């Protein structure tokens, strides 16, 4: 089981890769959809934690907010149970926080990762 929200991050910063997420339940805007940040300027974002090149790289919420004001946007992936979301791991993404009563929802998450 994985938390539905872990903060804006990149899984890998040193090399491209991919993951496939399988939704094991219907995912809507209120129960913590997978989300990506698009149209951002990577050079303006400050890292707020690091554990080496192979570990996830997290970014400050304030910096994400500034990027949104400059024209970046968030895309949420709502989909029915059984859907697969394929994404590139060096992109900025997160599991969004759900709304009550789903705010602390934990759900099974299955991910397949390529090289």
PDB file of N, CA and C in Angstrom:
ATOM      1  N   UNK A   1       0.849  -1.185   0.000  1.00  0.00           N
ATOM      2  CA  UNK A   1       0.000   0.000   0.000  1.00  0.00           C
ATOM      3  C   UNK A   1       0.882   1.230   0.000  1.00  0.00           C
ATOM      4  N   UNK A   2       0.490   2.215  -0.792  1.00  0.00           N
ATOM      5  CA  UNK A   2       1.262   3.448  -0.883  1.00  0.00           C
ATOM      6  C   UNK A   2       0.356   4.630  -0.594  1.00  0.00           C
ATOM      7  N   UNK A   3       0.923   5.678  -0.020  1.00  0.00           N
ATOM      8  CA  UNK A   3       0.156   6.887   0.223  1.00  0.00           C
ATOM      9  C   UNK A   3      -0.297   7.465  -1.102  1.00  0.00           C
ATOM     10  N   UNK A   4      -1.481   8.107  -1.095  1.00  0.00           N
ATOM     11  CA  UNK A   4      -2.002   8.672  -2.331  1.00  0.00           C
ATOM     12  C   UNK A   4      -1.321   9.974  -2.696  1.00  0.00           C
ATOM     13  N   UNK A   5      -0.509  10.536  -1.813  1.00  0.00           N
ATOM     14  CA  UNK A   5       0.179  11.793  -2.123  1.00  0.00           C
ATOM     15  C   UNK A   5       1.550  11.789  -1.477  1.00  0.00           C
ATOM     16  N   UNK A   6       2.581  12.043  -2.269  1.00  0.00           N
ATOM     17  CA  UNK A   6       3.930  12.054  -1.733  1.00  0.00           C
ATOM     18  C   UNK A   6       4.683  13.318  -2.047  1.00  0.00           C
ATOM     19  N   UNK A   7       4.034  14.337  -2.545  1.00  0.00           N
ATOM     20  CA  UNK A   7       4.704  15.578  -2.902  1.00  0.00           C
ATOM     21  C   UNK A   7       5.189  15.550  -4.347  1.00  0.00           C
ATOM     22  N   UNK A   8       5.374  16.732  -4.920  1.00  0.00           N
ATOM     23  CA  UNK A   8       5.862  16.846  -6.301  1.00  0.00           C
ATOM     24  C   UNK A   8       7.289  16.342  -6.368  1.00  0.00           C
ATOM     25  N   UNK A   9       7.579  15.434  -7.292  1.00  0.00           N
ATOM     26  CA  UNK A   9       8.910  14.845  -7.372  1.00  0.00           C
ATOM     27  C   UNK A   9       9.171  14.252  -8.751  1.00  0.00           C
ATOM     28  N   UNK A  10      10.427  13.905  -8.960  1.00  0.00           N
ATOM     29  CA  UNK A  10      10.871  13.099 -10.093  1.00  0.00           C
ATOM     30  C   UNK A  10      11.395  11.801  -9.507  1.00  0.00           C
ATOM     31  N   UNK A  11      11.059  10.668 -10.127  1.00  0.00           N
ATOM     32  CA  UNK A  11      11.578   9.393  -9.641  1.00  0.00           C
ATOM     33  C   UNK A  11      13.054   9.247  -9.956  1.00  0.00           C
ATOM     34  N   UNK A  12      13.440   9.704 -11.129  1.00  0.00           N
ATOM     35  CA  UNK A  12      14.837   9.632 -11.566  1.00  0.00           C
ATOM     36  C   UNK A  12      15.224  10.986 -12.134  1.00  0.00           C
ATOM     37  N   UNK A  13      16.426  11.438 -11.802  1.00  0.00           N
ATOM     38  CA  UNK A  13      16.894  12.705 -12.347  1.00  0.00           C
ATOM     39  C   UNK A  13      18.077  12.517 -13.283  1.00  0.00           C
ATOM     40  N   UNK A  14      18.709  11.353 -13.265  1.00  0.00           N
ATOM     41  CA  UNK A  14      19.930  11.159 -14.051  1.00  0.00           C
ATOM     42  C   UNK A  14      19.698  10.490 -15.399  1.00  0.00           C
ATOM     43  N   UNK A  15      18.555   9.876 -15.598  1.00  0.00           N
ATOM     44  CA  UNK A  15      18.313   9.169 -16.864  1.00  0.00           C
ATOM     45  C   UNK A  15      16.816   8.998 -17.065  1.00  0.00           C
ATOM     46  N   UNK A  16      16.364   9.043 -18.302  1.00  0.00           N
ATOM     47  CA  UNK A  16      14.941   8.799 -18.556  1.00  0.00           C
ATOM     48  C   UNK A  16      14.559   7.358 -18.234  1.00  0.00           C
ATOM     49  N   UNK A  17      13.322   7.172 -17.940  1.00  0.00           N
ATOM     50  CA  UNK A  17      12.779   5.846 -17.682  1.00  0.00           C
ATOM     51  C   UNK A  17      11.272   5.938 -17.784  1.00  0.00           C
ATOM     52  N   UNK A  18      10.578   4.877 -17.460  1.00  0.00           N
ATOM     53  CA  UNK A  18       9.125   4.927 -17.495  1.00  0.00           C
ATOM     54  C   UNK A  18       8.544   4.060 -16.391  1.00  0.00           C
ATOM     55  N   UNK A  19       7.291   4.349 -16.050  1.00  0.00           N
ATOM     56  CA  UNK A  19       6.518   3.527 -15.118  1.00  0.00           C
ATOM     57  C   UNK A  19       5.125   3.366 -15.684  1.00  0.00           C
ATOM     58  N   UNK A  20       4.526   2.249 -15.381  1.00  0.00           N
ATOM     59  CA  UNK A  20       3.129   2.003 -15.705  1.00  0.00           C
ATOM     60  C   UNK A  20       2.389   1.796 -14.391  1.00  0.00           C
ATOM     61  N   UNK A  21       1.378   2.619 -14.148  1.00  0.00           N
ATOM     62  CA  UNK A  21       0.560   2.498 -12.935  1.00  0.00           C
ATOM     63  C   UNK A  21      -0.769   1.856 -13.301  1.00  0.00           C
ATOM     64  N   UNK A  22      -1.174   0.876 -12.553  1.00  0.00           N
ATOM     65  CA  UNK A  22      -2.457   0.218 -12.760  1.00  0.00           C
ATOM     66  C   UNK A  22      -3.421   0.721 -11.692  1.00  0.00           C
ATOM     67  N   UNK A  23      -4.521   1.351 -12.111  1.00  0.00           N
ATOM     68  CA  UNK A  23      -5.546   1.797 -11.169  1.00  0.00           C
ATOM     69  C   UNK A  23      -6.379   0.581 -10.763  1.00  0.00           C
ATOM     70  N   UNK A  24      -6.372   0.259  -9.478  1.00  0.00           N
ATOM     71  CA  UNK A  24      -7.109  -0.903  -8.979  1.00  0.00           C
ATOM     72  C   UNK A  24      -8.487  -0.512  -8.441  1.00  0.00           C
ATOM     73  N   UNK A  25      -8.817   0.766  -8.580  1.00  0.00           N
ATOM     74  CA  UNK A  25     -10.145   1.279  -8.273  1.00  0.00           C
ATOM     75  C   UNK A  25     -10.398   2.485  -9.161  1.00  0.00           C
ATOM     76  N   UNK A  26     -11.648   2.898  -9.296  1.00  0.00           N
ATOM     77  CA  UNK A  26     -11.956   4.106 -10.055  1.00  0.00           C
ATOM     78  C   UNK A  26     -11.246   5.277  -9.388  1.00  0.00           C
ATOM     79  N   UNK A  27     -10.600   6.122 -10.193  1.00  0.00           N
ATOM     80  CA  UNK A  27      -9.874   7.270  -9.653  1.00  0.00           C
ATOM     81  C   UNK A  27     -10.492   8.543 -10.227  1.00  0.00           C
ATOM     82  N   UNK A  28     -10.912   9.415  -9.292  1.00  0.00           N
ATOM     83  CA  UNK A  28     -11.559  10.684  -9.637  1.00  0.00           C
ATOM     84  C   UNK A  28     -10.758  11.822  -9.005  1.00  0.00           C
ATOM     85  N   UNK A  29     -11.215  13.023  -9.195  1.00  0.00           N
ATOM     86  CA  UNK A  29     -10.540  14.176  -8.613  1.00  0.00           C
ATOM     87  C   UNK A  29     -10.584  14.221  -7.106  1.00  0.00           C
ATOM     88  N   UNK A  30     -11.568  13.550  -6.493  1.00  0.00           N
ATOM     89  CA  UNK A  30     -11.706  13.631  -5.042  1.00  0.00           C
ATOM     90  C   UNK A  30     -10.981  12.530  -4.283  1.00  0.00           C
ATOM     91  N   UNK A  31     -10.418  11.536  -4.982  1.00  0.00           N
ATOM     92  CA  UNK A  31      -9.760  10.454  -4.244  1.00  0.00           C
ATOM     93  C   UNK A  31      -8.284  10.280  -4.611  1.00  0.00           C
ATOM     94  N   UNK A  32      -7.634  11.360  -4.987  1.00  0.00           N
ATOM     95  CA  UNK A  32      -6.188  11.356  -5.133  1.00  0.00           C
ATOM     96  C   UNK A  32      -5.652  10.822  -6.437  1.00  0.00           C
ATOM     97  N   UNK A  33      -5.987  11.461  -7.571  1.00  0.00           N
ATOM     98  CA  UNK A  33      -5.481  10.969  -8.854  1.00  0.00           C
ATOM     99  C   UNK A  33      -3.988  11.223  -9.029  1.00  0.00           C
ATOM    100  N   UNK A  34      -3.361  10.399  -9.859  1.00  0.00           N
ATOM    101  CA  UNK A  34      -1.993  10.655 -10.304  1.00  0.00           C
ATOM    102  C   UNK A  34      -2.028  11.936 -11.124  1.00  0.00           C
ATOM    103  N   UNK A  35      -1.042  12.817 -10.915  1.00  0.00           N
ATOM    104  CA  UNK A  35      -1.010  14.104 -11.603  1.00  0.00           C
ATOM    105  C   UNK A  35       0.399  14.419 -12.062  1.00  0.00           C
ATOM    106  N   UNK A  36       0.477  15.169 -13.171  1.00  0.00           N
ATOM    107  CA  UNK A  36       1.762  15.612 -13.709  1.00  0.00           C
ATOM    108  C   UNK A  36       1.759  17.122 -13.844  1.00  0.00           C
ATOM    109  N   UNK A  37       2.933  17.722 -13.653  1.00  0.00           N
ATOM    110  CA  UNK A  37       3.147  19.139 -13.894  1.00  0.00           C
ATOM    111  C   UNK A  37       3.673  19.275 -15.314  1.00  0.00           C
ATOM    112  N   UNK A  38       3.040  20.108 -16.119  1.00  0.00           N
ATOM    113  CA  UNK A  38       3.447  20.303 -17.510  1.00  0.00           C
ATOM    114  C   UNK A  38       3.811  21.766 -17.758  1.00  0.00           C
ATOM    115  N   UNK A  39       4.623  21.994 -18.766  1.00  0.00           N
ATOM    116  CA  UNK A  39       5.012  23.353 -19.198  1.00  0.00           C
ATOM    117  C   UNK A  39       5.733  24.147 -18.112  1.00  0.00           C
ATOM    118  N   UNK A  40       6.589  23.491 -17.355  1.00  0.00           N
ATOM    119  CA  UNK A  40       7.355  24.164 -16.306  1.00  0.00           C
ATOM    120  C   UNK A  40       8.785  24.417 -16.786  1.00  0.00           C
ATOM    121  N   UNK A  41       9.458  25.344 -16.091  1.00  0.00           N
ATOM    122  CA  UNK A  41      10.857  25.642 -16.372  1.00  0.00           C
ATOM    123  C   UNK A  41      11.693  24.947 -15.306  1.00  0.00           C
ATOM    124  N   UNK A  42      12.346  23.882 -15.693  1.00  0.00           N
ATOM    125  CA  UNK A  42      13.112  23.057 -14.756  1.00  0.00           C
ATOM    126  C   UNK A  42      14.231  23.828 -14.064  1.00  0.00           C
ATOM    127  N   UNK A  43      14.793  24.843 -14.710  1.00  0.00           N
ATOM    128  CA  UNK A  43      15.938  25.562 -14.135  1.00  0.00           C
ATOM    129  C   UNK A  43      15.535  26.452 -12.962  1.00  0.00           C
ATOM    130  N   UNK A  44      14.249  26.788 -12.837  1.00  0.00           N
ATOM    131  CA  UNK A  44      13.803  27.645 -11.736  1.00  0.00           C
ATOM    132  C   UNK A  44      13.417  26.860 -10.490  1.00  0.00           C
ATOM    133  N   UNK A  45      13.271  25.565 -10.603  1.00  0.00           N
ATOM    134  CA  UNK A  45      12.798  24.762  -9.469  1.00  0.00           C
ATOM    135  C   UNK A  45      13.949  24.370  -8.552  1.00  0.00           C
ATOM    136  N   UNK A  46      13.742  24.588  -7.254  1.00  0.00           N
ATOM    137  CA  UNK A  46      14.752  24.216  -6.258  1.00  0.00           C
ATOM    138  C   UNK A  46      14.409  22.860  -5.676  1.00  0.00           C
ATOM    139  N   UNK A  47      15.387  22.034  -5.522  1.00  0.00           N
ATOM    140  CA  UNK A  47      15.178  20.734  -4.876  1.00  0.00           C
ATOM    141  C   UNK A  47      15.056  20.956  -3.385  1.00  0.00           C
ATOM    142  N   UNK A  48      14.083  20.275  -2.771  1.00  0.00           N
ATOM    143  CA  UNK A  48      13.943  20.432  -1.318  1.00  0.00           C
ATOM    144  C   UNK A  48      14.468  19.224  -0.565  1.00  0.00           C
ATOM    145  N   UNK A  49      14.808  18.147  -1.283  1.00  0.00           N
ATOM    146  CA  UNK A  49      15.470  17.010  -0.650  1.00  0.00           C
ATOM    147  C   UNK A  49      16.072  16.134  -1.731  1.00  0.00           C
ATOM    148  N   UNK A  50      17.120  15.433  -1.385  1.00  0.00           N
ATOM    149  CA  UNK A  50      17.720  14.512  -2.341  1.00  0.00           C
ATOM    150  C   UNK A  50      18.368  13.362  -1.592  1.00  0.00           C
ATOM    151  N   UNK A  51      18.372  12.221  -2.212  1.00  0.00           N
ATOM    152  CA  UNK A  51      19.017  11.049  -1.626  1.00  0.00           C
ATOM    153  C   UNK A  51      19.876  10.366  -2.680  1.00  0.00           C
ATOM    154  N   UNK A  52      20.442  11.152  -3.587  1.00  0.00           N
ATOM    155  CA  UNK A  52      21.251  10.586  -4.653  1.00  0.00           C
ATOM    156  C   UNK A  52      20.483  10.535  -5.957  1.00  0.00           C
ATOM    157  N   UNK A  53      21.171  10.261  -7.035  1.00  0.00           N
ATOM    158  CA  UNK A  53      20.563  10.285  -8.357  1.00  0.00           C
ATOM    159  C   UNK A  53      19.502   9.222  -8.571  1.00  0.00           C
ATOM    160  N   UNK A  54      19.566   8.118  -7.869  1.00  0.00           N
ATOM    161  CA  UNK A  54      18.613   7.030  -8.091  1.00  0.00           C
ATOM    162  C   UNK A  54      17.331   7.207  -7.286  1.00  0.00           C
ATOM    163  N   UNK A  55      17.353   8.096  -6.293  1.00  0.00           N
ATOM    164  CA  UNK A  55      16.198   8.268  -5.422  1.00  0.00           C
ATOM    165  C   UNK A  55      15.285   9.382  -5.937  1.00  0.00           C
ATOM    166  N   UNK A  56      14.024   9.391  -5.500  1.00  0.00           N
ATOM    167  CA  UNK A  56      13.126  10.477  -5.889  1.00  0.00           C
ATOM    168  C   UNK A  56      13.688  11.840  -5.480  1.00  0.00           C
ATOM    169  N   UNK A  57      13.428  12.832  -6.312  1.00  0.00           N
ATOM    170  CA  UNK A  57      13.852  14.209  -6.073  1.00  0.00           C
ATOM    171  C   UNK A  57      12.605  15.053  -5.837  1.00  0.00           C
ATOM    172  N   UNK A  58      12.462  15.627  -4.656  1.00  0.00           N
ATOM    173  CA  UNK A  58      11.269  16.400  -4.313  1.00  0.00           C
ATOM    174  C   UNK A  58      11.498  17.888  -4.527  1.00  0.00           C
ATOM    175  N   UNK A  59      10.394  18.612  -4.791  1.00  0.00           N
ATOM    176  CA  UNK A  59      10.434  20.040  -5.083  1.00  0.00           C
ATOM    177  C   UNK A  59       9.497  20.789  -4.151  1.00  0.00           C
ATOM    178  N   UNK A  60       9.880  22.023  -3.808  1.00  0.00           N
ATOM    179  CA  UNK A  60       9.120  22.845  -2.868  1.00  0.00           C
ATOM    180  C   UNK A  60       7.774  23.258  -3.448  1.00  0.00           C
ATOM    181  N   UNK A  61       6.730  23.186  -2.628  1.00  0.00           N
ATOM    182  CA  UNK A  61       5.384  23.591  -3.052  1.00  0.00           C
ATOM    183  C   UNK A  61       5.367  25.042  -3.530  1.00  0.00           C
ATOM    184  N   UNK A  62       6.139  25.920  -2.868  1.00  0.00           N
ATOM    185  CA  UNK A  62       6.176  27.333  -3.270  1.00  0.00           C
ATOM    186  C   UNK A  62       6.698  27.485  -4.693  1.00  0.00           C
ATOM    187  N   UNK A  63       7.716  26.718  -5.040  1.00  0.00           N
ATOM    188  CA  UNK A  63       8.263  26.776  -6.400  1.00  0.00           C
ATOM    189  C   UNK A  63       7.266  26.264  -7.424  1.00  0.00           C
ATOM    190  N   UNK A  64       6.543  25.208  -7.070  1.00  0.00           N
ATOM    191  CA  UNK A  64       5.513  24.672  -7.974  1.00  0.00           C
ATOM    192  C   UNK A  64       4.438  25.739  -8.175  1.00  0.00           C
ATOM    193  N   UNK A  65       4.049  26.418  -7.107  1.00  0.00           N
ATOM    194  CA  UNK A  65       3.052  27.488  -7.194  1.00  0.00           C
ATOM    195  C   UNK A  65       3.504  28.610  -8.107  1.00  0.00           C
ATOM    196  N   UNK A  66       4.786  28.991  -8.011  1.00  0.00           N
ATOM    197  CA  UNK A  66       5.320  30.042  -8.892  1.00  0.00           C
ATOM    198  C   UNK A  66       5.297  29.598 -10.351  1.00  0.00           C
ATOM    199  N   UNK A  67       5.616  28.344 -10.601  1.00  0.00           N
ATOM    200  CA  UNK A  67       5.567  27.833 -11.974  1.00  0.00           C
ATOM    201  C   UNK A  67       4.142  27.853 -12.517  1.00  0.00           C
ATOM    202  N   UNK A  68       3.170  27.532 -11.668  1.00  0.00           N
ATOM    203  CA  UNK A  68       1.767  27.580 -12.091  1.00  0.00           C
ATOM    204  C   UNK A  68       1.367  29.013 -12.458  1.00  0.00           C
ATOM    205  N   UNK A  69       1.842  29.996 -11.680  1.00  0.00           N
ATOM    206  CA  UNK A  69       1.559  31.406 -11.990  1.00  0.00           C
ATOM    207  C   UNK A  69       2.209  31.830 -13.299  1.00  0.00           C
ATOM    208  N   UNK A  70       3.317  31.197 -13.677  1.00  0.00           N
ATOM    209  CA  UNK A  70       4.029  31.528 -14.920  1.00  0.00           C
ATOM    210  C   UNK A  70       3.506  30.748 -16.126  1.00  0.00           C
ATOM    211  N   UNK A  71       2.487  29.931 -15.947  1.00  0.00           N
ATOM    212  CA  UNK A  71       1.891  29.239 -17.086  1.00  0.00           C
ATOM    213  C   UNK A  71       1.992  27.729 -17.082  1.00  0.00           C
ATOM    214  N   UNK A  72       2.665  27.150 -16.098  1.00  0.00           N
ATOM    215  CA  UNK A  72       2.672  25.683 -15.998  1.00  0.00           C
ATOM    216  C   UNK A  72       1.262  25.228 -15.638  1.00  0.00           C
ATOM    217  N   UNK A  73       0.963  23.986 -15.882  1.00  0.00           N
ATOM    218  CA  UNK A  73      -0.350  23.477 -15.519  1.00  0.00           C
ATOM    219  C   UNK A  73      -0.248  22.052 -14.989  1.00  0.00           C
ATOM    220  N   UNK A  74      -1.289  21.677 -14.249  1.00  0.00           N
ATOM    221  CA  UNK A  74      -1.379  20.343 -13.654  1.00  0.00           C
ATOM    222  C   UNK A  74      -2.418  19.547 -14.430  1.00  0.00           C
ATOM    223  N   UNK A  75      -2.030  18.345 -14.820  1.00  0.00           N
ATOM    224  CA  UNK A  75      -2.965  17.432 -15.473  1.00  0.00           C
ATOM    225  C   UNK A  75      -3.209  16.266 -14.533  1.00  0.00           C
ATOM    226  N   UNK A  76      -4.477  16.059 -14.171  1.00  0.00           N
ATOM    227  CA  UNK A  76      -4.873  14.930 -13.326  1.00  0.00           C
ATOM    228  C   UNK A  76      -5.367  13.801 -14.211  1.00  0.00           C
ATOM    229  N   UNK A  77      -5.006  12.583 -13.864  1.00  0.00           N
ATOM    230  CA  UNK A  77      -5.410  11.412 -14.625  1.00  0.00           C
ATOM    231  C   UNK A  77      -6.547  10.688 -13.913  1.00  0.00           C
ATOM    232  N   UNK A  78      -7.776  11.006 -14.295  1.00  0.00           N
ATOM    233  CA  UNK A  78      -8.974  10.335 -13.774  1.00  0.00           C
ATOM    234  C   UNK A  78      -9.262   9.183 -14.718  1.00  0.00           C
ATOM    235  N   UNK A  79      -9.556   8.023 -14.168  1.00  0.00           N
ATOM    236  CA  UNK A  79      -9.810   6.857 -15.024  1.00  0.00           C
ATOM    237  C   UNK A  79     -10.503   5.762 -14.225  1.00  0.00           C
ATOM    238  N   UNK A  80     -11.180   4.864 -14.917  1.00  0.00           N
ATOM    239  CA  UNK A  80     -11.845   3.764 -14.225  1.00  0.00           C
ATOM    240  C   UNK A  80     -10.870   2.669 -13.785  1.00  0.00           C
ATOM    241  N   UNK A  81     -11.335   1.870 -12.864  1.00  0.00           N
ATOM    242  CA  UNK A  81     -10.590   0.695 -12.392  1.00  0.00           C
ATOM    243  C   UNK A  81     -10.104  -0.110 -13.594  1.00  0.00           C
ATOM    244  N   UNK A  82      -8.844  -0.553 -13.527  1.00  0.00           N
ATOM    245  CA  UNK A  82      -8.266  -1.349 -14.608  1.00  0.00           C
ATOM    246  C   UNK A  82      -7.483  -0.531 -15.612  1.00  0.00           C
ATOM    247  N   UNK A  83      -7.545   0.800 -15.517  1.00  0.00           N
ATOM    248  CA  UNK A  83      -6.799   1.659 -16.441  1.00  0.00           C
ATOM    249  C   UNK A  83      -5.318   1.650 -16.093  1.00  0.00           C
ATOM    250  N   UNK A  84      -4.500   1.885 -17.112  1.00  0.00           N
ATOM    251  CA  UNK A  84      -3.046   1.964 -16.926  1.00  0.00           C
ATOM    252  C   UNK A  84      -2.588   3.363 -17.322  1.00  0.00           C
ATOM    253  N   UNK A  85      -1.763   3.964 -16.471  1.00  0.00           N
ATOM    254  CA  UNK A  85      -1.158   5.263 -16.752  1.00  0.00           C
ATOM    255  C   UNK A  85       0.324   5.018 -16.975  1.00  0.00           C
ATOM    256  N   UNK A  86       0.817   5.371 -18.151  1.00  0.00           N
ATOM    257  CA  UNK A  86       2.235   5.228 -18.490  1.00  0.00           C
ATOM    258  C   UNK A  86       2.852   6.616 -18.484  1.00  0.00           C
ATOM    259  N   UNK A  87       3.961   6.790 -17.744  1.00  0.00           N
ATOM    260  CA  UNK A  87       4.589   8.108 -17.692  1.00  0.00           C
ATOM    261  C   UNK A  87       6.105   7.993 -17.632  1.00  0.00           C
ATOM    262  N   UNK A  88       6.761   9.087 -18.005  1.00  0.00           N
ATOM    263  CA  UNK A  88       8.211   9.195 -18.024  1.00  0.00           C
ATOM    264  C   UNK A  88       8.672   9.642 -16.634  1.00  0.00           C
ATOM    265  N   UNK A  89       9.615   8.922 -16.029  1.00  0.00           N
ATOM    266  CA  UNK A  89       9.955   9.105 -14.613  1.00  0.00           C
ATOM    267  C   UNK A  89      10.797  10.333 -14.289  1.00  0.00           C
ATOM    268  N   UNK A  90      11.368  11.004 -15.290  1.00  0.00           N
ATOM    269  CA  UNK A  90      12.105  12.221 -14.981  1.00  0.00           C
ATOM    270  C   UNK A  90      11.226  13.460 -15.123  1.00  0.00           C
ATOM    271  N   UNK A  91       9.918  13.248 -15.287  1.00  0.00           N
ATOM    272  CA  UNK A  91       8.970  14.356 -15.282  1.00  0.00           C
ATOM    273  C   UNK A  91       8.483  14.575 -13.841  1.00  0.00           C
ATOM    274  N   UNK A  92       7.999  15.785 -13.556  1.00  0.00           N
ATOM    275  CA  UNK A  92       7.520  16.094 -12.210  1.00  0.00           C
ATOM    276  C   UNK A  92       6.075  15.611 -12.084  1.00  0.00           C
ATOM    277  N   UNK A  93       5.812  14.857 -11.024  1.00  0.00           N
ATOM    278  CA  UNK A  93       4.502  14.238 -10.834  1.00  0.00           C
ATOM    279  C   UNK A  93       4.238  13.993  -9.351  1.00  0.00           C
ATOM    280  N   UNK A  94       2.997  13.604  -9.039  1.00  0.00           N
ATOM    281  CA  UNK A  94       2.631  13.247  -7.666  1.00  0.00           C
ATOM    282  C   UNK A  94       1.278  12.558  -7.663  1.00  0.00           C
ATOM    283  N   UNK A  95       0.953  11.949  -6.551  1.00  0.00           N
ATOM    284  CA  UNK A  95      -0.414  11.526  -6.286  1.00  0.00           C
ATOM    285  C   UNK A  95      -1.082  12.681  -5.570  1.00  0.00           C
ATOM    286  N   UNK A  96      -2.142  13.222  -6.131  1.00  0.00           N
ATOM    287  CA  UNK A  96      -2.816  14.368  -5.523  1.00  0.00           C
ATOM    288  C   UNK A  96      -3.455  13.968  -4.202  1.00  0.00           C
ATOM    289  N   UNK A  97      -3.625  14.920  -3.318  1.00  0.00           N
ATOM    290  CA  UNK A  97      -4.292  14.692  -2.042  1.00  0.00           C
ATOM    291  C   UNK A  97      -5.789  14.617  -2.310  1.00  0.00           C
ATOM    292  N   UNK A  98      -6.442  13.608  -1.772  1.00  0.00           N
ATOM    293  CA  UNK A  98      -7.878  13.469  -1.925  1.00  0.00           C
ATOM    294  C   UNK A  98      -8.643  14.435  -1.037  1.00  0.00           C
ATOM    295  N   UNK A  99      -9.910  14.643  -1.359  1.00  0.00           N
ATOM    296  CA  UNK A  99     -10.808  15.470  -0.547  1.00  0.00           C
ATOM    297  C   UNK A  99     -11.468  14.583   0.507  1.00  0.00           C
ATOM    298  N   UNK A 100     -11.899  15.171   1.616  1.00  0.00           N
ATOM    299  CA  UNK A 100     -12.624  14.359   2.598  1.00  0.00           C
ATOM    300  C   UNK A 100     -13.808  13.666   1.936  1.00  0.00           C
ATOM    301  N   UNK A 101     -14.114  12.429   2.201  1.00  0.00           N
ATOM    302  CA  UNK A 101     -13.509  11.567   3.226  1.00  0.00           C
ATOM    303  C   UNK A 101     -12.282  10.815   2.734  1.00  0.00           C
ATOM    304  N   UNK A 102     -11.742  11.180   1.572  1.00  0.00           N
ATOM    305  CA  UNK A 102     -10.610  10.466   0.976  1.00  0.00           C
ATOM    306  C   UNK A 102      -9.258  11.111   1.284  1.00  0.00           C
ATOM    307  N   UNK A 103      -9.204  12.119   2.150  1.00  0.00           N
ATOM    308  CA  UNK A 103      -7.979  12.890   2.364  1.00  0.00           C
ATOM    309  C   UNK A 103      -6.813  12.040   2.843  1.00  0.00           C
ATOM    310  N   UNK A 104      -7.068  11.022   3.626  1.00  0.00           N
ATOM    311  CA  UNK A 104      -5.972  10.180   4.124  1.00  0.00           C
ATOM    312  C   UNK A 104      -6.016   8.790   3.504  1.00  0.00           C
ATOM    313  N   UNK A 105      -6.696   8.687   2.376  1.00  0.00           N
ATOM    314  CA  UNK A 105      -6.870   7.391   1.721  1.00  0.00           C
ATOM    315  C   UNK A 105      -5.538   6.758   1.349  1.00  0.00           C
ATOM    316  N   UNK A 106      -5.395   5.506   1.713  1.00  0.00           N
ATOM    317  CA  UNK A 106      -4.283   4.716   1.202  1.00  0.00           C
ATOM    318  C   UNK A 106      -4.879   3.630   0.356  1.00  0.00           C
ATOM    319  N   UNK A 107      -4.265   3.368  -0.807  1.00  0.00           N
ATOM    320  CA  UNK A 107      -4.799   2.358  -1.703  1.00  0.00           C
ATOM    321  C   UNK A 107      -3.657   1.538  -2.259  1.00  0.00           C
ATOM    322  N   UNK A 108      -3.942   0.329  -2.680  1.00  0.00           N
ATOM    323  CA  UNK A 108      -2.899  -0.468  -3.336  1.00  0.00           C
ATOM    324  C   UNK A 108      -2.435   0.242  -4.598  1.00  0.00           C
ATOM    325  N   UNK A 109      -1.149   0.232  -4.828  1.00  0.00           N
ATOM    326  CA  UNK A 109      -0.579   0.843  -6.026  1.00  0.00           C
ATOM    327  C   UNK A 109       0.417  -0.142  -6.612  1.00  0.00           C
ATOM    328  N   UNK A 110       0.247  -0.465  -7.878  1.00  0.00           N
ATOM    329  CA  UNK A 110       1.148  -1.378  -8.539  1.00  0.00           C
ATOM    330  C   UNK A 110       1.857  -0.623  -9.632  1.00  0.00           C
ATOM    331  N   UNK A 111       3.177  -0.675  -9.675  1.00  0.00           N
ATOM    332  CA  UNK A 111       3.945   0.056 -10.677  1.00  0.00           C
ATOM    333  C   UNK A 111       4.958  -0.897 -11.307  1.00  0.00           C
ATOM    334  N   UNK A 112       5.080  -0.809 -12.604  1.00  0.00           N
ATOM    335  CA  UNK A 112       6.113  -1.515 -13.353  1.00  0.00           C
ATOM    336  C   UNK A 112       7.082  -0.475 -13.850  1.00  0.00           C
ATOM    337  N   UNK A 113       8.355  -0.664 -13.572  1.00  0.00           N
ATOM    338  CA  UNK A 113       9.349   0.323 -13.962  1.00  0.00           C
ATOM    339  C   UNK A 113      10.335  -0.260 -14.932  1.00  0.00           C
ATOM    340  N   UNK A 114      10.615   0.491 -15.991  1.00  0.00           N
ATOM    341  CA  UNK A 114      11.620   0.079 -16.965  1.00  0.00           C
ATOM    342  C   UNK A 114      12.974   0.653 -16.630  1.00  0.00           C
ATOM    343  N   UNK A 115      13.982   0.320 -17.404  1.00  0.00           N
ATOM    344  CA  UNK A 115      15.346   0.799 -17.128  1.00  0.00           C
ATOM    345  C   UNK A 115      15.487   2.293 -17.237  1.00  0.00           C
TER     346      UNK A 115
END
